[in-house]
Amino acid sequence: MNPHTNPTQDLLILDLEAPKSENTQIYIYDLQGKIVKIQPMEVSIGKQIMRLDVSNLPQGVYYLKMQVGEINYTNKFIKRQGPWIFFFMD
């Protein structure tokens, strides 16, 4: 499970190759280990792209955890607020 939109503002795109089809849940934990969101997901066998709405989470660093069959997936992502503005100076 690889997050492609990391850091993200509102939508996390996850790339997953599942060993089997099943209904599961994605758990999102904050850095203190507290579960801040549980999202039911239906996964299909093989490669797929999943979208996870994280717009309601405050800015910070989070961990995703999901189990499909006997495989546990864990990954970290960064949630940011608002657009980033870059200034270039000569």
C-alpha atoms as a PDB file:
ATOM      1  CA  MET A   1       0.000   0.000   0.000  1.00  0.00           C
ATOM      2  CA  ASN A   2       1.720   3.141  -1.238  1.00  0.00           C
ATOM      3  CA  PRO A   3       0.262   6.641  -0.810  1.00  0.00           C
ATOM      4  CA  HIS A   4       0.822   8.687  -4.001  1.00  0.00           C
ATOM      5  CA  THR A   5      -0.451  12.047  -2.797  1.00  0.00           C
ATOM      6  CA  ASN A   6       1.872  12.426   0.158  1.00  0.00           C
ATOM      7  CA  PRO A   7       1.738  15.034   1.635  1.00  0.00           C
ATOM      8  CA  THR A   8      -1.949  15.553   0.994  1.00  0.00           C
ATOM      9  CA  GLN A   9      -4.522  18.204   1.666  1.00  0.00           C
ATOM     10  CA  ASP A  10      -7.767  16.260   1.373  1.00  0.00           C
ATOM     11  CA  LEU A  11      -7.565  13.093  -0.731  1.00  0.00           C
ATOM     12  CA  LEU A  12      -5.042  10.290  -0.266  1.00  0.00           C
ATOM     13  CA  ILE A  13      -4.544   8.045  -3.298  1.00  0.00           C
ATOM     14  CA  LEU A  14      -3.399   4.526  -2.354  1.00  0.00           C
ATOM     15  CA  ASP A  15      -1.841   2.002  -4.716  1.00  0.00           C
ATOM     16  CA  LEU A  16      -2.469  -1.548  -3.508  1.00  0.00           C
ATOM     17  CA  GLU A  17      -1.869  -5.072  -4.782  1.00  0.00           C
ATOM     18  CA  ALA A  18      -4.211  -7.326  -2.799  1.00  0.00           C
ATOM     19  CA  PRO A  19      -3.741 -11.098  -2.528  1.00  0.00           C
ATOM     20  CA  LYS A  20      -7.510 -11.656  -2.385  1.00  0.00           C
ATOM     21  CA  SER A  21     -10.871  -9.901  -2.520  1.00  0.00           C
ATOM     22  CA  GLU A  22     -12.478  -8.994   0.784  1.00  0.00           C
ATOM     23  CA  ASN A  23     -14.128  -6.281   2.820  1.00  0.00           C
ATOM     24  CA  THR A  24     -11.672  -4.707   5.220  1.00  0.00           C
ATOM     25  CA  GLN A  25     -11.026  -1.479   7.088  1.00  0.00           C
ATOM     26  CA  ILE A  26      -8.298   1.133   6.943  1.00  0.00           C
ATOM     27  CA  TYR A  27      -7.299   2.486  10.347  1.00  0.00           C
ATOM     28  CA  ILE A  28      -5.665   5.894  10.619  1.00  0.00           C
ATOM     29  CA  TYR A  29      -3.605   6.567  13.758  1.00  0.00           C
ATOM     30  CA  ASP A  30      -2.068   9.804  14.964  1.00  0.00           C
ATOM     31  CA  LEU A  31       1.485   9.927  16.350  1.00  0.00           C
ATOM     32  CA  GLN A  32       0.216   9.145  19.861  1.00  0.00           C
ATOM     33  CA  GLY A  33      -1.252   5.860  18.592  1.00  0.00           C
ATOM     34  CA  LYS A  34      -4.878   6.991  18.854  1.00  0.00           C
ATOM     35  CA  ILE A  35      -7.256   5.818  16.112  1.00  0.00           C
ATOM     36  CA  VAL A  36      -8.610   8.970  14.465  1.00  0.00           C
ATOM     37  CA  LYS A  37     -10.501   7.400  11.554  1.00  0.00           C
ATOM     38  CA  ILE A  38     -11.776   3.988  10.490  1.00  0.00           C
ATOM     39  CA  GLN A  39     -12.738   3.640   6.832  1.00  0.00           C
ATOM     40  CA  PRO A  40     -14.431   0.493   5.494  1.00  0.00           C
ATOM     41  CA  MET A  41     -12.958  -0.599   2.141  1.00  0.00           C
ATOM     42  CA  GLU A  42     -13.813  -3.252  -0.400  1.00  0.00           C
ATOM     43  CA  VAL A  43     -10.666  -4.564  -2.067  1.00  0.00           C
ATOM     44  CA  SER A  44     -10.400  -6.788  -5.116  1.00  0.00           C
ATOM     45  CA  ILE A  45      -7.673  -9.264  -5.912  1.00  0.00           C
ATOM     46  CA  GLY A  46      -4.767  -7.702  -7.818  1.00  0.00           C
ATOM     47  CA  LYS A  47      -3.622  -4.132  -8.399  1.00  0.00           C
ATOM     48  CA  GLN A  48      -5.963  -1.247  -7.671  1.00  0.00           C
ATOM     49  CA  ILE A  49      -6.133   2.419  -6.799  1.00  0.00           C
ATOM     50  CA  MET A  50      -8.104   3.473  -3.717  1.00  0.00           C
ATOM     51  CA  ARG A  51      -9.113   6.963  -2.626  1.00  0.00           C
ATOM     52  CA  LEU A  52      -9.295   7.957   1.013  1.00  0.00           C
ATOM     53  CA  ASP A  53     -10.817  11.264   2.149  1.00  0.00           C
ATOM     54  CA  VAL A  54      -8.712  12.798   4.936  1.00  0.00           C
ATOM     55  CA  SER A  55     -10.019  16.358   4.627  1.00  0.00           C
ATOM     56  CA  ASN A  56     -11.506  16.282   8.141  1.00  0.00           C
ATOM     57  CA  LEU A  57      -8.165  15.477   9.819  1.00  0.00           C
ATOM     58  CA  PRO A  58      -6.050  18.258  11.329  1.00  0.00           C
ATOM     59  CA  GLN A  59      -2.591  18.926   9.947  1.00  0.00           C
ATOM     60  CA  GLY A  60      -0.045  16.352  11.103  1.00  0.00           C
ATOM     61  CA  VAL A  61       1.661  13.008  10.553  1.00  0.00           C
ATOM     62  CA  TYR A  62      -0.449   9.836  10.503  1.00  0.00           C
ATOM     63  CA  TYR A  63      -0.120   6.095  10.023  1.00  0.00           C
ATOM     64  CA  LEU A  64      -2.377   3.933   7.848  1.00  0.00           C
ATOM     65  CA  LYS A  65      -2.958   0.289   8.757  1.00  0.00           C
ATOM     66  CA  MET A  66      -4.958  -2.285   6.839  1.00  0.00           C
ATOM     67  CA  GLN A  67      -5.101  -6.084   6.749  1.00  0.00           C
ATOM     68  CA  VAL A  68      -6.014  -8.058   3.628  1.00  0.00           C
ATOM     69  CA  GLY A  69      -5.927 -11.794   4.156  1.00  0.00           C
ATOM     70  CA  GLU A  70      -2.760 -12.570   6.088  1.00  0.00           C
ATOM     71  CA  ILE A  71      -0.935  -9.431   4.903  1.00  0.00           C
ATOM     72  CA  ASN A  72      -0.723  -6.323   7.095  1.00  0.00           C
ATOM     73  CA  TYR A  73      -0.092  -3.023   5.335  1.00  0.00           C
ATOM     74  CA  THR A  74       1.304  -0.011   7.190  1.00  0.00           C
ATOM     75  CA  ASN A  75       2.342   3.346   5.810  1.00  0.00           C
ATOM     76  CA  LYS A  76       2.894   6.916   6.935  1.00  0.00           C
ATOM     77  CA  PHE A  77       1.450  10.077   5.399  1.00  0.00           C
ATOM     78  CA  ILE A  78       1.459  13.811   6.073  1.00  0.00           C
ATOM     79  CA  LYS A  79      -1.736  15.846   6.167  1.00  0.00           C
ATOM     80  CA  ARG A  80      -1.296  19.548   5.448  1.00  0.00           C
ATOM     81  CA  GLN A  81      -3.701  22.484   5.551  1.00  0.00           C
ATOM     82  CA  GLY A  82      -4.207  24.899   2.669  1.00  0.00           C
ATOM     83  CA  PRO A  83      -2.073  25.350  -0.400  1.00  0.00           C
ATOM     84  CA  TRP A  84       1.658  25.639  -0.091  1.00  0.00           C
ATOM     85  CA  ILE A  85       3.047  28.849  -1.491  1.00  0.00           C
ATOM     86  CA  PHE A  86       6.631  28.983  -2.687  1.00  0.00           C
ATOM     87  CA  PHE A  87       8.604  32.170  -3.198  1.00  0.00           C
ATOM     88  CA  PHE A  88      11.576  32.236  -5.533  1.00  0.00           C
ATOM     89  CA  MET A  89      14.183  34.904  -5.073  1.00  0.00           C
ATOM     90  CA  ASP A  90      16.846  35.939  -7.586  1.00  0.00           C
END
